[in-house]
Amino acid sequence: MRLDLHVHCNVADPAAAAELVRTCEKLSTRAALSGGSRYGSGDYAPNDYVLGLSKQYPDWILPMARFDLWETAPDPAAVHRLAEQGFRGLKCIYPFYPYDHDSYMPVYAAASQCRLPILFHTGNYRPSEADARWQRPVLTNMSPLTLDRIARSFPDLKIVMAHLGTTFWRLEAAELIKLHPNLYSDLAGCGSWMALAPETLVKLLSPTIPLLDSSYRGFRKLVLGSDAYVNIPGIMADAQAWYDAFCRKIGLPEDVAKGIMGDTAADWFKA
């Protein structure tokens, strides 16, 4: 069984959800699904809808709660409530302050206590009407470097950096996942898995002194993420074909490839 950690529930459409599940069945892949509000100018399907889908399709949908990091300090007790409701992880994107702002740190402490992994969007983000309204430093707030403090402060918290920082911060992102044992990355989105050549990944994820490390340690910090949408589930298959191809081209050992495609993240969600 594979695990795709990065799938969006952008619409509350039961027919689309059923098609997503059929795609999951075909690919033998569980989808970590997140919806929620404040994606720039738009909202996705509510967290409760995602949770309902996970109860309807428990073998295929893993519910991730969109957690809003905004101007008012969030209540860490809300994280505990989400865990009690059955959410298995958190998704954070488009924060008011940088991810490592003091007011957000209690949220991460609560997530660590509840053993809820967090998927953070990093890197490029399309402009929207919300940018003019809020006038926030959007890219700076979602820089991979903002995850350094979080990873150091909560070593038991599993953190996934979406998109490996995109083209804005590829090197910084790669160095961070090699540095921190609890920090991982996906290559989600056509701008990541279609834009990264295998040889580029080798250069980014190899140790500084290659002769001293033949364990593929950098590649063990990658996890499968497609950036698919509930109403565009075909992205899941396209992404997996690319991930499989780069694993073969690079010549990754079977255990490393299986870790990327789901085994690593699956361990985080075991009871």
C-alpha atoms as a PDB file:
ATOM      1  CA  MET A   1       0.000   0.000   0.000  1.00  0.00           C
ATOM      2  CA  ARG A   2       1.312   3.426  -0.969  1.00  0.00           C
ATOM      3  CA  LEU A   3       0.570   6.718   0.791  1.00  0.00           C
ATOM      4  CA  ASP A   4       0.186  10.068  -0.985  1.00  0.00           C
ATOM      5  CA  LEU A   5       0.634  12.745   1.676  1.00  0.00           C
ATOM      6  CA  HIS A   6      -0.487  15.703  -0.423  1.00  0.00           C
ATOM      7  CA  VAL A   7      -4.012  15.601  -1.864  1.00  0.00           C
ATOM      8  CA  HIS A   8      -6.432  18.545  -1.782  1.00  0.00           C
ATOM      9  CA  CYS A   9     -10.147  18.365  -1.054  1.00  0.00           C
ATOM     10  CA  ASN A  10     -10.911  21.537  -2.980  1.00  0.00           C
ATOM     11  CA  VAL A  11     -14.610  20.792  -3.571  1.00  0.00           C
ATOM     12  CA  ALA A  12     -17.332  19.142  -1.497  1.00  0.00           C
ATOM     13  CA  ASP A  13     -18.543  16.901  -4.308  1.00  0.00           C
ATOM     14  CA  PRO A  14     -19.479  13.310  -3.386  1.00  0.00           C
ATOM     15  CA  ALA A  15     -19.132  12.162  -6.998  1.00  0.00           C
ATOM     16  CA  ALA A  16     -15.619  13.599  -7.205  1.00  0.00           C
ATOM     17  CA  ALA A  17     -14.736  11.963  -3.888  1.00  0.00           C
ATOM     18  CA  ALA A  18     -15.961   8.611  -5.183  1.00  0.00           C
ATOM     19  CA  GLU A  19     -13.794   9.010  -8.286  1.00  0.00           C
ATOM     20  CA  LEU A  20     -10.797   9.874  -6.106  1.00  0.00           C
ATOM     21  CA  VAL A  21     -11.358   6.691  -4.113  1.00  0.00           C
ATOM     22  CA  ARG A  22     -11.553   4.651  -7.316  1.00  0.00           C
ATOM     23  CA  THR A  23      -8.200   6.140  -8.290  1.00  0.00           C
ATOM     24  CA  CYS A  24      -6.796   5.223  -4.874  1.00  0.00           C
ATOM     25  CA  GLU A  25      -8.029   1.657  -5.298  1.00  0.00           C
ATOM     26  CA  LYS A  26      -6.478   1.396  -8.756  1.00  0.00           C
ATOM     27  CA  LEU A  27      -3.141   2.696  -7.466  1.00  0.00           C
ATOM     28  CA  SER A  28      -3.336   0.840  -4.131  1.00  0.00           C
ATOM     29  CA  THR A  29      -2.675   4.192  -2.486  1.00  0.00           C
ATOM     30  CA  ARG A  30      -4.115   5.938   0.554  1.00  0.00           C
ATOM     31  CA  ALA A  31      -4.674   9.684   0.142  1.00  0.00           C
ATOM     32  CA  ALA A  32      -3.856  12.075   2.982  1.00  0.00           C
ATOM     33  CA  LEU A  33      -6.616  14.559   2.211  1.00  0.00           C
ATOM     34  CA  SER A  34      -6.846  18.165   3.397  1.00  0.00           C
ATOM     35  CA  GLY A  35      -9.390  20.911   2.802  1.00  0.00           C
ATOM     36  CA  GLY A  36     -10.169  23.954   4.935  1.00  0.00           C
ATOM     37  CA  SER A  37     -10.344  27.708   4.542  1.00  0.00           C
ATOM     38  CA  ARG A  38      -8.090  30.592   3.527  1.00  0.00           C
ATOM     39  CA  TYR A  39      -6.135  29.307   0.544  1.00  0.00           C
ATOM     40  CA  GLY A  40      -5.278  32.799  -0.627  1.00  0.00           C
ATOM     41  CA  SER A  41      -8.591  34.219  -1.840  1.00  0.00           C
ATOM     42  CA  GLY A  42     -10.457  30.921  -1.801  1.00  0.00           C
ATOM     43  CA  ASP A  43     -11.650  28.213   0.527  1.00  0.00           C
ATOM     44  CA  TYR A  44     -11.609  24.448   0.068  1.00  0.00           C
ATOM     45  CA  ALA A  45     -14.073  21.920   1.455  1.00  0.00           C
ATOM     46  CA  PRO A  46     -14.434  22.211   5.257  1.00  0.00           C
ATOM     47  CA  ASN A  47     -12.379  20.060   7.596  1.00  0.00           C
ATOM     48  CA  ASP A  48     -15.541  18.313   8.789  1.00  0.00           C
ATOM     49  CA  TYR A  49     -16.323  17.227   5.236  1.00  0.00           C
ATOM     50  CA  VAL A  50     -12.861  15.690   4.907  1.00  0.00           C
ATOM     51  CA  LEU A  51     -13.348  13.877   8.203  1.00  0.00           C
ATOM     52  CA  GLY A  52     -16.675  12.554   6.963  1.00  0.00           C
ATOM     53  CA  LEU A  53     -15.043  11.197   3.809  1.00  0.00           C
ATOM     54  CA  SER A  54     -12.462   9.395   5.917  1.00  0.00           C
ATOM     55  CA  LYS A  55     -15.261   7.663   7.812  1.00  0.00           C
ATOM     56  CA  GLN A  56     -17.022   6.786   4.578  1.00  0.00           C
ATOM     57  CA  TYR A  57     -13.816   5.490   2.967  1.00  0.00           C
ATOM     58  CA  PRO A  58     -11.589   4.514   5.916  1.00  0.00           C
ATOM     59  CA  ASP A  59      -9.330   2.270   3.833  1.00  0.00           C
ATOM     60  CA  TRP A  60      -8.414   5.035   1.398  1.00  0.00           C
ATOM     61  CA  ILE A  61      -8.801   8.488   2.985  1.00  0.00           C
ATOM     62  CA  LEU A  62      -6.515   9.736   5.759  1.00  0.00           C
ATOM     63  CA  PRO A  63      -7.952  13.020   7.127  1.00  0.00           C
ATOM     64  CA  MET A  64      -5.613  15.995   7.523  1.00  0.00           C
ATOM     65  CA  ALA A  65      -7.033  19.126   9.179  1.00  0.00           C
ATOM     66  CA  ARG A  66      -6.250  22.495   7.670  1.00  0.00           C
ATOM     67  CA  PHE A  67      -5.011  24.550  10.640  1.00  0.00           C
ATOM     68  CA  ASP A  68      -5.249  28.312  10.181  1.00  0.00           C
ATOM     69  CA  LEU A  69      -2.204  30.240  11.390  1.00  0.00           C
ATOM     70  CA  TRP A  70      -3.407  33.822  11.376  1.00  0.00           C
ATOM     71  CA  GLU A  71      -3.074  37.129  13.219  1.00  0.00           C
ATOM     72  CA  THR A  72      -4.587  36.073  16.548  1.00  0.00           C
ATOM     73  CA  ALA A  73      -2.595  33.497  18.471  1.00  0.00           C
ATOM     74  CA  PRO A  74      -4.251  30.121  17.785  1.00  0.00           C
ATOM     75  CA  ASP A  75      -5.491  27.972  20.650  1.00  0.00           C
ATOM     76  CA  PRO A  76      -3.352  24.832  21.018  1.00  0.00           C
ATOM     77  CA  ALA A  77      -6.348  23.117  22.624  1.00  0.00           C
ATOM     78  CA  ALA A  78      -7.891  23.133  19.148  1.00  0.00           C
ATOM     79  CA  VAL A  79      -5.171  20.723  18.043  1.00  0.00           C
ATOM     80  CA  HIS A  80      -6.118  18.279  20.787  1.00  0.00           C
ATOM     81  CA  ARG A  81      -9.773  18.546  19.752  1.00  0.00           C
ATOM     82  CA  LEU A  82      -8.891  17.765  16.137  1.00  0.00           C
ATOM     83  CA  ALA A  83      -6.954  14.699  17.244  1.00  0.00           C
ATOM     84  CA  GLU A  84      -9.882  13.553  19.388  1.00  0.00           C
ATOM     85  CA  GLN A  85     -12.221  13.961  16.403  1.00  0.00           C
ATOM     86  CA  GLY A  86     -10.078  11.606  14.366  1.00  0.00           C
ATOM     87  CA  PHE A  87      -7.814  13.809  12.264  1.00  0.00           C
ATOM     88  CA  ARG A  88      -4.447  12.197  11.625  1.00  0.00           C
ATOM     89  CA  GLY A  89      -2.351  15.241  10.748  1.00  0.00           C
ATOM     90  CA  LEU A  90      -2.369  18.986  10.065  1.00  0.00           C
ATOM     91  CA  LYS A  91      -1.922  21.077   6.921  1.00  0.00           C
ATOM     92  CA  CYS A  92      -0.585  24.645   7.191  1.00  0.00           C
ATOM     93  CA  ILE A  93      -0.445  27.213   4.393  1.00  0.00           C
ATOM     94  CA  TYR A  94      -0.702  30.994   3.859  1.00  0.00           C
ATOM     95  CA  PRO A  95       0.108  32.109   7.439  1.00  0.00           C
ATOM     96  CA  PHE A  96      -0.218  35.692   8.637  1.00  0.00           C
ATOM     97  CA  TYR A  97       3.253  35.530  10.204  1.00  0.00           C
ATOM     98  CA  PRO A  98       6.232  33.297   9.363  1.00  0.00           C
ATOM     99  CA  TYR A  99       5.694  29.680  10.345  1.00  0.00           C
ATOM    100  CA  ASP A 100       8.199  30.013  13.197  1.00  0.00           C
ATOM    101  CA  HIS A 101       6.465  33.001  14.826  1.00  0.00           C
ATOM    102  CA  ASP A 102       6.284  32.827  18.623  1.00  0.00           C
ATOM    103  CA  SER A 103       2.478  32.765  18.636  1.00  0.00           C
ATOM    104  CA  TYR A 104       2.404  29.569  16.571  1.00  0.00           C
ATOM    105  CA  MET A 105       4.870  27.538  18.611  1.00  0.00           C
ATOM    106  CA  PRO A 106       2.275  26.218  21.124  1.00  0.00           C
ATOM    107  CA  VAL A 107       0.358  24.753  18.169  1.00  0.00           C
ATOM    108  CA  TYR A 108       3.379  22.702  17.171  1.00  0.00           C
ATOM    109  CA  ALA A 109       3.925  21.609  20.761  1.00  0.00           C
ATOM    110  CA  ALA A 110       0.340  20.339  20.845  1.00  0.00           C
ATOM    111  CA  ALA A 111       0.752  18.570  17.499  1.00  0.00           C
ATOM    112  CA  SER A 112       3.851  16.849  18.823  1.00  0.00           C
ATOM    113  CA  GLN A 113       1.981  15.755  21.952  1.00  0.00           C
ATOM    114  CA  CYS A 114      -0.867  14.395  19.812  1.00  0.00           C
ATOM    115  CA  ARG A 115       1.539  12.744  17.358  1.00  0.00           C
ATOM    116  CA  LEU A 116       0.022  14.636  14.434  1.00  0.00           C
ATOM    117  CA  PRO A 117       2.453  15.166  11.537  1.00  0.00           C
ATOM    118  CA  ILE A 118       2.281  18.600   9.901  1.00  0.00           C
ATOM    119  CA  LEU A 119       2.472  19.310   6.173  1.00  0.00           C
ATOM    120  CA  PHE A 120       3.700  22.865   5.515  1.00  0.00           C
ATOM    121  CA  HIS A 121       3.426  24.531   2.125  1.00  0.00           C
ATOM    122  CA  THR A 122       6.770  26.070   1.178  1.00  0.00           C
ATOM    123  CA  GLY A 123       7.926  28.160  -1.752  1.00  0.00           C
ATOM    124  CA  ASN A 124       6.030  29.564  -4.693  1.00  0.00           C
ATOM    125  CA  TYR A 125       2.422  30.659  -4.283  1.00  0.00           C
ATOM    126  CA  ARG A 126       0.288  32.235  -6.988  1.00  0.00           C
ATOM    127  CA  PRO A 127      -0.791  35.863  -6.427  1.00  0.00           C
ATOM    128  CA  SER A 128      -4.446  36.388  -5.548  1.00  0.00           C
ATOM    129  CA  GLU A 129      -6.855  39.134  -4.515  1.00  0.00           C
ATOM    130  CA  ALA A 130      -6.147  38.266  -0.885  1.00  0.00           C
ATOM    131  CA  ASP A 131      -2.574  39.501  -1.239  1.00  0.00           C
ATOM    132  CA  ALA A 132      -3.678  43.103  -1.783  1.00  0.00           C
ATOM    133  CA  ARG A 133      -6.132  42.839   1.084  1.00  0.00           C
ATOM    134  CA  TRP A 134      -3.744  41.458   3.696  1.00  0.00           C
ATOM    135  CA  GLN A 135      -0.413  42.774   2.332  1.00  0.00           C
ATOM    136  CA  ARG A 136       1.587  39.959   3.900  1.00  0.00           C
ATOM    137  CA  PRO A 137       5.085  38.758   2.867  1.00  0.00           C
ATOM    138  CA  VAL A 138       3.622  35.530   1.503  1.00  0.00           C
ATOM    139  CA  LEU A 139       6.738  33.798   0.191  1.00  0.00           C
ATOM    140  CA  THR A 140       8.949  34.873   3.091  1.00  0.00           C
ATOM    141  CA  ASN A 141       6.385  33.581   5.585  1.00  0.00           C
ATOM    142  CA  MET A 142       6.503  30.169   3.891  1.00  0.00           C
ATOM    143  CA  SER A 143      10.246  29.888   3.368  1.00  0.00           C
ATOM    144  CA  PRO A 144      11.751  26.488   4.241  1.00  0.00           C
ATOM    145  CA  LEU A 145      14.071  28.255   6.687  1.00  0.00           C
ATOM    146  CA  THR A 146      11.077  29.025   8.908  1.00  0.00           C
ATOM    147  CA  LEU A 147      10.861  25.290   9.627  1.00  0.00           C
ATOM    148  CA  ASP A 148      14.339  25.156  11.176  1.00  0.00           C
ATOM    149  CA  ARG A 149      13.209  26.502  14.551  1.00  0.00           C
ATOM    150  CA  ILE A 150      10.199  24.174  14.600  1.00  0.00           C
ATOM    151  CA  ALA A 151      12.266  21.086  13.811  1.00  0.00           C
ATOM    152  CA  ARG A 152      14.817  21.961  16.514  1.00  0.00           C
ATOM    153  CA  SER A 153      12.180  22.784  19.126  1.00  0.00           C
ATOM    154  CA  PHE A 154      10.040  19.671  18.657  1.00  0.00           C
ATOM    155  CA  PRO A 155      12.279  16.748  17.685  1.00  0.00           C
ATOM    156  CA  ASP A 156       9.422  14.240  18.015  1.00  0.00           C
ATOM    157  CA  LEU A 157       7.189  16.151  15.590  1.00  0.00           C
ATOM    158  CA  LYS A 158       7.145  14.781  12.047  1.00  0.00           C
ATOM    159  CA  ILE A 159       7.323  17.708   9.625  1.00  0.00           C
ATOM    160  CA  VAL A 160       6.842  17.562   5.868  1.00  0.00           C
ATOM    161  CA  MET A 161       8.000  20.465   3.739  1.00  0.00           C
ATOM    162  CA  ALA A 162       5.788  20.537   0.656  1.00  0.00           C
ATOM    163  CA  HIS A 163       7.387  21.129  -2.753  1.00  0.00           C
ATOM    164  CA  LEU A 164      11.016  21.032  -1.532  1.00  0.00           C
ATOM    165  CA  GLY A 165      10.853  24.831  -1.379  1.00  0.00           C
ATOM    166  CA  THR A 166      10.136  25.119  -5.146  1.00  0.00           C
ATOM    167  CA  THR A 167      12.696  26.853  -7.343  1.00  0.00           C
ATOM    168  CA  PHE A 168      12.987  29.710  -4.853  1.00  0.00           C
ATOM    169  CA  TRP A 169      14.675  27.603  -2.153  1.00  0.00           C
ATOM    170  CA  ARG A 170      15.699  24.192  -3.530  1.00  0.00           C
ATOM    171  CA  LEU A 171      19.170  24.166  -1.973  1.00  0.00           C
ATOM    172  CA  GLU A 172      18.041  25.469   1.411  1.00  0.00           C
ATOM    173  CA  ALA A 173      15.212  22.946   1.517  1.00  0.00           C
ATOM    174  CA  ALA A 174      17.471  20.026   0.656  1.00  0.00           C
ATOM    175  CA  GLU A 175      20.056  21.039   3.244  1.00  0.00           C
ATOM    176  CA  LEU A 176      17.359  21.308   5.904  1.00  0.00           C
ATOM    177  CA  ILE A 177      15.941  17.822   5.378  1.00  0.00           C
ATOM    178  CA  LYS A 178      19.463  16.398   5.478  1.00  0.00           C
ATOM    179  CA  LEU A 179      20.133  18.326   8.696  1.00  0.00           C
ATOM    180  CA  HIS A 180      17.042  17.549  10.775  1.00  0.00           C
ATOM    181  CA  PRO A 181      16.040  13.928  11.517  1.00  0.00           C
ATOM    182  CA  ASN A 182      12.346  14.852  11.853  1.00  0.00           C
ATOM    183  CA  LEU A 183      12.071  17.027   8.721  1.00  0.00           C
ATOM    184  CA  TYR A 184      11.004  15.510   5.400  1.00  0.00           C
ATOM    185  CA  SER A 185       9.901  16.805   2.014  1.00  0.00           C
ATOM    186  CA  ASP A 186       7.630  15.865  -0.829  1.00  0.00           C
ATOM    187  CA  LEU A 187       8.074  16.878  -4.461  1.00  0.00           C
ATOM    188  CA  ALA A 188       4.399  17.722  -4.860  1.00  0.00           C
ATOM    189  CA  GLY A 189       3.064  19.658  -7.813  1.00  0.00           C
ATOM    190  CA  CYS A 190       3.897  19.767 -11.489  1.00  0.00           C
ATOM    191  CA  GLY A 191       6.300  22.584 -10.649  1.00  0.00           C
ATOM    192  CA  SER A 192       8.290  20.162  -8.520  1.00  0.00           C
ATOM    193  CA  TRP A 193       8.106  16.583  -9.737  1.00  0.00           C
ATOM    194  CA  MET A 194       7.990  17.587 -13.412  1.00  0.00           C
ATOM    195  CA  ALA A 195      10.641  20.283 -13.050  1.00  0.00           C
ATOM    196  CA  LEU A 196      13.276  18.287 -11.156  1.00  0.00           C
ATOM    197  CA  ALA A 197      15.643  16.111 -13.156  1.00  0.00           C
ATOM    198  CA  PRO A 198      16.899  12.980 -11.362  1.00  0.00           C
ATOM    199  CA  GLU A 199      20.491  14.188 -11.645  1.00  0.00           C
ATOM    200  CA  THR A 200      19.495  17.438  -9.934  1.00  0.00           C
ATOM    201  CA  LEU A 201      17.970  15.493  -7.062  1.00  0.00           C
ATOM    202  CA  VAL A 202      21.134  13.439  -6.727  1.00  0.00           C
ATOM    203  CA  LYS A 203      23.186  16.620  -6.443  1.00  0.00           C
ATOM    204  CA  LEU A 204      20.800  18.159  -3.910  1.00  0.00           C
ATOM    205  CA  LEU A 205      20.379  15.113  -1.676  1.00  0.00           C
ATOM    206  CA  SER A 206      23.840  13.594  -1.731  1.00  0.00           C
ATOM    207  CA  PRO A 207      26.010  14.048   1.371  1.00  0.00           C
ATOM    208  CA  THR A 208      28.634  16.769   1.366  1.00  0.00           C
ATOM    209  CA  ILE A 209      31.341  14.103   1.260  1.00  0.00           C
ATOM    210  CA  PRO A 210      29.771  11.277  -0.812  1.00  0.00           C
ATOM    211  CA  LEU A 211      32.520   8.752  -0.102  1.00  0.00           C
ATOM    212  CA  LEU A 212      31.618   8.792   3.586  1.00  0.00           C
ATOM    213  CA  ASP A 213      27.937   7.893   3.105  1.00  0.00           C
ATOM    214  CA  SER A 214      26.464   5.243   0.826  1.00  0.00           C
ATOM    215  CA  SER A 215      23.151   4.888   2.715  1.00  0.00           C
ATOM    216  CA  TYR A 216      21.073   7.191   0.471  1.00  0.00           C
ATOM    217  CA  ARG A 217      20.245   9.077   3.651  1.00  0.00           C
ATOM    218  CA  GLY A 218      19.080  12.200   1.819  1.00  0.00           C
ATOM    219  CA  PHE A 219      16.641  10.215  -0.306  1.00  0.00           C
ATOM    220  CA  ARG A 220      15.226   8.571   2.807  1.00  0.00           C
ATOM    221  CA  LYS A 221      13.887  12.031   3.691  1.00  0.00           C
ATOM    222  CA  LEU A 222      11.571  12.185   0.663  1.00  0.00           C
ATOM    223  CA  VAL A 223       7.919  11.167   0.847  1.00  0.00           C
ATOM    224  CA  LEU A 224       5.305  10.793  -1.872  1.00  0.00           C
ATOM    225  CA  GLY A 225       3.138  13.842  -2.468  1.00  0.00           C
ATOM    226  CA  SER A 226       1.288  14.501  -5.703  1.00  0.00           C
ATOM    227  CA  ASP A 227      -0.578  17.798  -5.108  1.00  0.00           C
ATOM    228  CA  ALA A 228      -3.647  16.164  -6.667  1.00  0.00           C
ATOM    229  CA  TYR A 229      -7.162  17.530  -6.240  1.00  0.00           C
ATOM    230  CA  VAL A 230     -10.274  15.591  -5.359  1.00  0.00           C
ATOM    231  CA  ASN A 231     -11.755  16.599  -8.720  1.00  0.00           C
ATOM    232  CA  ILE A 232      -8.485  16.000 -10.629  1.00  0.00           C
ATOM    233  CA  PRO A 233      -7.391  12.635  -9.196  1.00  0.00           C
ATOM    234  CA  GLY A 234      -5.372  11.690 -12.270  1.00  0.00           C
ATOM    235  CA  ILE A 235      -2.513  13.794 -10.918  1.00  0.00           C
ATOM    236  CA  MET A 236      -1.929  11.018  -8.379  1.00  0.00           C
ATOM    237  CA  ALA A 237      -1.104   8.507 -11.118  1.00  0.00           C
ATOM    238  CA  ASP A 238       1.003  11.003 -13.077  1.00  0.00           C
ATOM    239  CA  ALA A 239       3.042  11.857 -10.000  1.00  0.00           C
ATOM    240  CA  GLN A 240       3.609   8.222  -9.048  1.00  0.00           C
ATOM    241  CA  ALA A 241       4.825   7.429 -12.552  1.00  0.00           C
ATOM    242  CA  TRP A 242       7.389  10.204 -12.224  1.00  0.00           C
ATOM    243  CA  TYR A 243       8.467   9.186  -8.710  1.00  0.00           C
ATOM    244  CA  ASP A 244       8.855   5.566  -9.857  1.00  0.00           C
ATOM    245  CA  ALA A 245      10.881   6.667 -12.879  1.00  0.00           C
ATOM    246  CA  PHE A 246      13.314   8.785 -10.870  1.00  0.00           C
ATOM    247  CA  CYS A 247      13.783   5.980  -8.342  1.00  0.00           C
ATOM    248  CA  ARG A 248      14.707   3.622 -11.191  1.00  0.00           C
ATOM    249  CA  LYS A 249      16.913   6.112 -13.013  1.00  0.00           C
ATOM    250  CA  ILE A 250      18.854   6.990  -9.883  1.00  0.00           C
ATOM    251  CA  GLY A 251      19.084   3.325  -8.949  1.00  0.00           C
ATOM    252  CA  LEU A 252      17.694   3.651  -5.447  1.00  0.00           C
ATOM    253  CA  PRO A 253      17.607   0.441  -3.399  1.00  0.00           C
ATOM    254  CA  GLU A 254      14.170  -1.127  -3.089  1.00  0.00           C
ATOM    255  CA  ASP A 255      13.790  -0.255   0.581  1.00  0.00           C
ATOM    256  CA  VAL A 256      14.577   3.413  -0.085  1.00  0.00           C
ATOM    257  CA  ALA A 257      12.099   3.567  -2.955  1.00  0.00           C
ATOM    258  CA  LYS A 258       9.393   1.883  -0.869  1.00  0.00           C
ATOM    259  CA  GLY A 259      10.065   4.344   1.929  1.00  0.00           C
ATOM    260  CA  ILE A 260       9.495   7.262  -0.422  1.00  0.00           C
ATOM    261  CA  MET A 261       6.323   5.773  -1.861  1.00  0.00           C
ATOM    262  CA  GLY A 262       4.653   5.249   1.486  1.00  0.00           C
ATOM    263  CA  ASP A 263       6.474   3.085   4.009  1.00  0.00           C
ATOM    264  CA  THR A 264       8.186   5.986   5.788  1.00  0.00           C
ATOM    265  CA  ALA A 265       5.036   8.038   6.320  1.00  0.00           C
ATOM    266  CA  ALA A 266       2.889   4.998   7.073  1.00  0.00           C
ATOM    267  CA  ASP A 267       4.889   4.462  10.257  1.00  0.00           C
ATOM    268  CA  TRP A 268       3.835   7.905  11.509  1.00  0.00           C
ATOM    269  CA  PHE A 269       0.155   7.043  11.347  1.00  0.00           C
ATOM    270  CA  LYS A 270       0.246   3.711  13.131  1.00  0.00           C
ATOM    271  CA  ALA A 271      -1.805   3.609  16.327  1.00  0.00           C
END
